[in-house]
């Protein structure tokens, strides 16, 4: 399923498969100001920074219990295992993609969290999961 920001093709909030005409991204809060103006930032963090006025999509946020444990231990394998089990395995990539597209008003979007591109972050797990399910998303770089 490929999405296109053309509301003429929108059928009950669902965008049929069409040629992709834009890119969707992941990024971090400090880089949001560098996104192209037509890209809608959507926070997927458990807690957005103070002052965040943008959109939020909590279904892709980590659960507090395993996030707190990971902060204590730094055990990335523990985090990945529990993020997949407690978050991704309970979701449909197709439903998530369509909800994000609807939230963005049909525009390209960027999933936003805290960590820099080279740091461990759940948005990279989300991007991998979406990619494995046929939805292309890449890290935005200025």
C-alpha atoms as a PDB file:
ATOM      1  CA  UNK A   1       0.000   0.000   0.000  1.00  0.00           C
ATOM      2  CA  UNK A   2       1.467   3.339  -1.051  1.00  0.00           C
ATOM      3  CA  UNK A   3      -0.076   6.608   0.000  1.00  0.00           C
ATOM      4  CA  UNK A   4      -0.605   9.758  -2.029  1.00  0.00           C
ATOM      5  CA  UNK A   5      -1.705  13.135  -0.637  1.00  0.00           C
ATOM      6  CA  UNK A   6      -4.535  13.504  -3.122  1.00  0.00           C
ATOM      7  CA  UNK A   7      -7.888  13.757  -1.384  1.00  0.00           C
ATOM      8  CA  UNK A   8      -9.653  12.869  -4.641  1.00  0.00           C
ATOM      9  CA  UNK A   9      -8.445   9.290  -4.073  1.00  0.00           C
ATOM     10  CA  UNK A  10      -9.563   9.236  -0.438  1.00  0.00           C
ATOM     11  CA  UNK A  11     -12.247   6.615   0.137  1.00  0.00           C
ATOM     12  CA  UNK A  12     -13.524   6.577   3.731  1.00  0.00           C
ATOM     13  CA  UNK A  13     -10.165   7.780   5.042  1.00  0.00           C
ATOM     14  CA  UNK A  14      -8.297   5.123   3.056  1.00  0.00           C
ATOM     15  CA  UNK A  15      -5.946   6.007   0.236  1.00  0.00           C
ATOM     16  CA  UNK A  16      -5.824   3.329  -2.473  1.00  0.00           C
ATOM     17  CA  UNK A  17      -2.525   2.191  -3.883  1.00  0.00           C
ATOM     18  CA  UNK A  18      -1.126   4.843  -6.190  1.00  0.00           C
ATOM     19  CA  UNK A  19       2.246   6.095  -7.275  1.00  0.00           C
ATOM     20  CA  UNK A  20       4.075   7.689  -4.369  1.00  0.00           C
ATOM     21  CA  UNK A  21       4.794  11.338  -5.017  1.00  0.00           C
ATOM     22  CA  UNK A  22       6.540  12.358  -1.781  1.00  0.00           C
ATOM     23  CA  UNK A  23       8.599  11.031   1.114  1.00  0.00           C
ATOM     24  CA  UNK A  24       7.736  10.337   4.743  1.00  0.00           C
ATOM     25  CA  UNK A  25      10.380  10.611   7.422  1.00  0.00           C
ATOM     26  CA  UNK A  26      11.558  10.114  10.954  1.00  0.00           C
ATOM     27  CA  UNK A  27      13.471  12.832  12.767  1.00  0.00           C
ATOM     28  CA  UNK A  28      14.216  14.296  16.200  1.00  0.00           C
ATOM     29  CA  UNK A  29      12.733  17.366  17.872  1.00  0.00           C
ATOM     30  CA  UNK A  30      15.788  19.603  17.370  1.00  0.00           C
ATOM     31  CA  UNK A  31      15.632  18.907  13.620  1.00  0.00           C
ATOM     32  CA  UNK A  32      11.923  19.634  13.093  1.00  0.00           C
ATOM     33  CA  UNK A  33      12.704  23.236  12.112  1.00  0.00           C
ATOM     34  CA  UNK A  34      14.669  21.886   9.111  1.00  0.00           C
ATOM     35  CA  UNK A  35      11.825  19.790   7.683  1.00  0.00           C
ATOM     36  CA  UNK A  36      10.337  20.920   4.368  1.00  0.00           C
ATOM     37  CA  UNK A  37       7.316  23.127   5.016  1.00  0.00           C
ATOM     38  CA  UNK A  38       4.900  20.575   3.537  1.00  0.00           C
ATOM     39  CA  UNK A  39       6.011  17.808   5.943  1.00  0.00           C
ATOM     40  CA  UNK A  40       3.818  17.471   9.045  1.00  0.00           C
ATOM     41  CA  UNK A  41       5.755  16.550  12.215  1.00  0.00           C
ATOM     42  CA  UNK A  42       4.015  13.984  14.439  1.00  0.00           C
ATOM     43  CA  UNK A  43       5.457  13.185  17.858  1.00  0.00           C
ATOM     44  CA  UNK A  44       5.588   9.494  18.757  1.00  0.00           C
ATOM     45  CA  UNK A  45       7.287  10.045  22.119  1.00  0.00           C
ATOM     46  CA  UNK A  46       5.677   9.060  25.374  1.00  0.00           C
ATOM     47  CA  UNK A  47       6.121  12.647  26.520  1.00  0.00           C
ATOM     48  CA  UNK A  48       6.670  15.469  24.063  1.00  0.00           C
ATOM     49  CA  UNK A  49       8.924  18.333  25.139  1.00  0.00           C
ATOM     50  CA  UNK A  50       7.440  21.252  27.047  1.00  0.00           C
ATOM     51  CA  UNK A  51       6.068  23.717  24.556  1.00  0.00           C
ATOM     52  CA  UNK A  52       5.425  21.124  21.813  1.00  0.00           C
ATOM     53  CA  UNK A  53       2.379  22.365  19.927  1.00  0.00           C
ATOM     54  CA  UNK A  54       2.478  19.755  17.173  1.00  0.00           C
ATOM     55  CA  UNK A  55       0.532  16.574  16.588  1.00  0.00           C
ATOM     56  CA  UNK A  56       1.023  13.461  18.714  1.00  0.00           C
ATOM     57  CA  UNK A  57       0.425   9.778  17.984  1.00  0.00           C
ATOM     58  CA  UNK A  58       0.727   7.879  21.266  1.00  0.00           C
ATOM     59  CA  UNK A  59       0.055   4.409  19.831  1.00  0.00           C
ATOM     60  CA  UNK A  60       3.723   4.253  18.780  1.00  0.00           C
ATOM     61  CA  UNK A  61       5.100   5.542  22.083  1.00  0.00           C
ATOM     62  CA  UNK A  62       7.090   3.208  24.360  1.00  0.00           C
ATOM     63  CA  UNK A  63       5.411   1.992  27.543  1.00  0.00           C
ATOM     64  CA  UNK A  64       6.695   3.725  30.660  1.00  0.00           C
ATOM     65  CA  UNK A  65       7.580   0.532  32.555  1.00  0.00           C
ATOM     66  CA  UNK A  66      10.079  -0.815  30.020  1.00  0.00           C
ATOM     67  CA  UNK A  67      11.329   2.640  29.070  1.00  0.00           C
ATOM     68  CA  UNK A  68      12.181   3.318  32.746  1.00  0.00           C
ATOM     69  CA  UNK A  69      13.913  -0.063  33.045  1.00  0.00           C
ATOM     70  CA  UNK A  70      15.913   0.611  29.890  1.00  0.00           C
ATOM     71  CA  UNK A  71      16.982   4.025  31.252  1.00  0.00           C
ATOM     72  CA  UNK A  72      18.345   2.243  34.340  1.00  0.00           C
ATOM     73  CA  UNK A  73      20.093  -0.619  32.550  1.00  0.00           C
ATOM     74  CA  UNK A  74      20.802   0.600  29.004  1.00  0.00           C
ATOM     75  CA  UNK A  75      19.830  -2.868  27.783  1.00  0.00           C
ATOM     76  CA  UNK A  76      18.816  -2.257  24.161  1.00  0.00           C
ATOM     77  CA  UNK A  77      17.871  -5.910  23.589  1.00  0.00           C
ATOM     78  CA  UNK A  78      15.422  -5.718  26.513  1.00  0.00           C
ATOM     79  CA  UNK A  79      13.944  -2.529  25.066  1.00  0.00           C
ATOM     80  CA  UNK A  80      13.595  -3.919  21.522  1.00  0.00           C
ATOM     81  CA  UNK A  81      11.975  -7.138  22.777  1.00  0.00           C
ATOM     82  CA  UNK A  82       9.443  -5.274  24.902  1.00  0.00           C
ATOM     83  CA  UNK A  83       8.756  -2.526  22.368  1.00  0.00           C
ATOM     84  CA  UNK A  84       7.888  -5.162  19.778  1.00  0.00           C
ATOM     85  CA  UNK A  85       5.820  -7.234  22.234  1.00  0.00           C
ATOM     86  CA  UNK A  86       4.017  -4.374  24.007  1.00  0.00           C
ATOM     87  CA  UNK A  87       3.608  -1.917  21.130  1.00  0.00           C
ATOM     88  CA  UNK A  88       4.234  -3.100  17.570  1.00  0.00           C
ATOM     89  CA  UNK A  89       2.809  -6.618  17.872  1.00  0.00           C
ATOM     90  CA  UNK A  90      -0.486  -5.127  19.058  1.00  0.00           C
ATOM     91  CA  UNK A  91      -0.837  -2.855  16.035  1.00  0.00           C
ATOM     92  CA  UNK A  92      -1.568  -3.233  12.345  1.00  0.00           C
ATOM     93  CA  UNK A  93       0.970  -1.412  10.175  1.00  0.00           C
ATOM     94  CA  UNK A  94      -1.760  -0.732   7.625  1.00  0.00           C
ATOM     95  CA  UNK A  95      -4.041   0.841  10.242  1.00  0.00           C
ATOM     96  CA  UNK A  96      -1.188   2.866  11.738  1.00  0.00           C
ATOM     97  CA  UNK A  97      -0.094   4.141   8.325  1.00  0.00           C
ATOM     98  CA  UNK A  98      -3.626   5.190   7.410  1.00  0.00           C
ATOM     99  CA  UNK A  99      -4.167   6.856  10.794  1.00  0.00           C
ATOM    100  CA  UNK A 100      -0.907   8.794  10.402  1.00  0.00           C
ATOM    101  CA  UNK A 101      -1.858   9.813   6.875  1.00  0.00           C
ATOM    102  CA  UNK A 102      -5.270  10.982   8.086  1.00  0.00           C
ATOM    103  CA  UNK A 103      -3.697  12.834  11.029  1.00  0.00           C
ATOM    104  CA  UNK A 104      -1.348  14.637   8.625  1.00  0.00           C
ATOM    105  CA  UNK A 105      -4.268  15.640   6.436  1.00  0.00           C
ATOM    106  CA  UNK A 106      -2.913  13.535   3.579  1.00  0.00           C
ATOM    107  CA  UNK A 107       0.415  15.383   3.583  1.00  0.00           C
ATOM    108  CA  UNK A 108       3.853  13.820   3.997  1.00  0.00           C
ATOM    109  CA  UNK A 109       4.748  13.401   7.659  1.00  0.00           C
ATOM    110  CA  UNK A 110       7.762  12.974   9.923  1.00  0.00           C
ATOM    111  CA  UNK A 111       7.614  10.783  13.019  1.00  0.00           C
ATOM    112  CA  UNK A 112       9.429  12.692  15.744  1.00  0.00           C
ATOM    113  CA  UNK A 113      11.229  11.647  18.913  1.00  0.00           C
ATOM    114  CA  UNK A 114      14.204  12.836  20.984  1.00  0.00           C
ATOM    115  CA  UNK A 115      17.337  11.000  19.927  1.00  0.00           C
ATOM    116  CA  UNK A 116      19.741  11.996  17.187  1.00  0.00           C
ATOM    117  CA  UNK A 117      19.879   9.735  14.095  1.00  0.00           C
ATOM    118  CA  UNK A 118      22.913   7.780  15.291  1.00  0.00           C
ATOM    119  CA  UNK A 119      21.500   7.126  18.783  1.00  0.00           C
ATOM    120  CA  UNK A 120      19.281   4.246  19.828  1.00  0.00           C
ATOM    121  CA  UNK A 121      15.641   5.343  19.542  1.00  0.00           C
ATOM    122  CA  UNK A 122      12.291   3.637  19.154  1.00  0.00           C
ATOM    123  CA  UNK A 123      11.531   5.658  16.009  1.00  0.00           C
ATOM    124  CA  UNK A 124      14.147   3.542  14.206  1.00  0.00           C
ATOM    125  CA  UNK A 125      12.266   0.409  15.330  1.00  0.00           C
ATOM    126  CA  UNK A 126       9.019   1.939  14.069  1.00  0.00           C
ATOM    127  CA  UNK A 127      10.612   2.809  10.714  1.00  0.00           C
ATOM    128  CA  UNK A 128      11.975  -0.726  10.355  1.00  0.00           C
ATOM    129  CA  UNK A 129       8.560  -2.210  11.217  1.00  0.00           C
ATOM    130  CA  UNK A 130       6.795   0.037   8.705  1.00  0.00           C
ATOM    131  CA  UNK A 131       9.386  -0.807   6.047  1.00  0.00           C
ATOM    132  CA  UNK A 132       8.978  -4.550   6.702  1.00  0.00           C
ATOM    133  CA  UNK A 133       5.251  -4.040   6.137  1.00  0.00           C
ATOM    134  CA  UNK A 134       5.659  -2.233   2.819  1.00  0.00           C
ATOM    135  CA  UNK A 135       5.698   1.418   3.916  1.00  0.00           C
ATOM    136  CA  UNK A 136       8.805   3.376   3.057  1.00  0.00           C
ATOM    137  CA  UNK A 137       9.982   5.879   5.642  1.00  0.00           C
ATOM    138  CA  UNK A 138      13.484   7.249   6.087  1.00  0.00           C
ATOM    139  CA  UNK A 139      15.432   9.447   8.480  1.00  0.00           C
ATOM    140  CA  UNK A 140      15.306  13.070   7.410  1.00  0.00           C
ATOM    141  CA  UNK A 141      18.692  14.676   6.933  1.00  0.00           C
ATOM    142  CA  UNK A 142      19.155  18.308   6.135  1.00  0.00           C
END
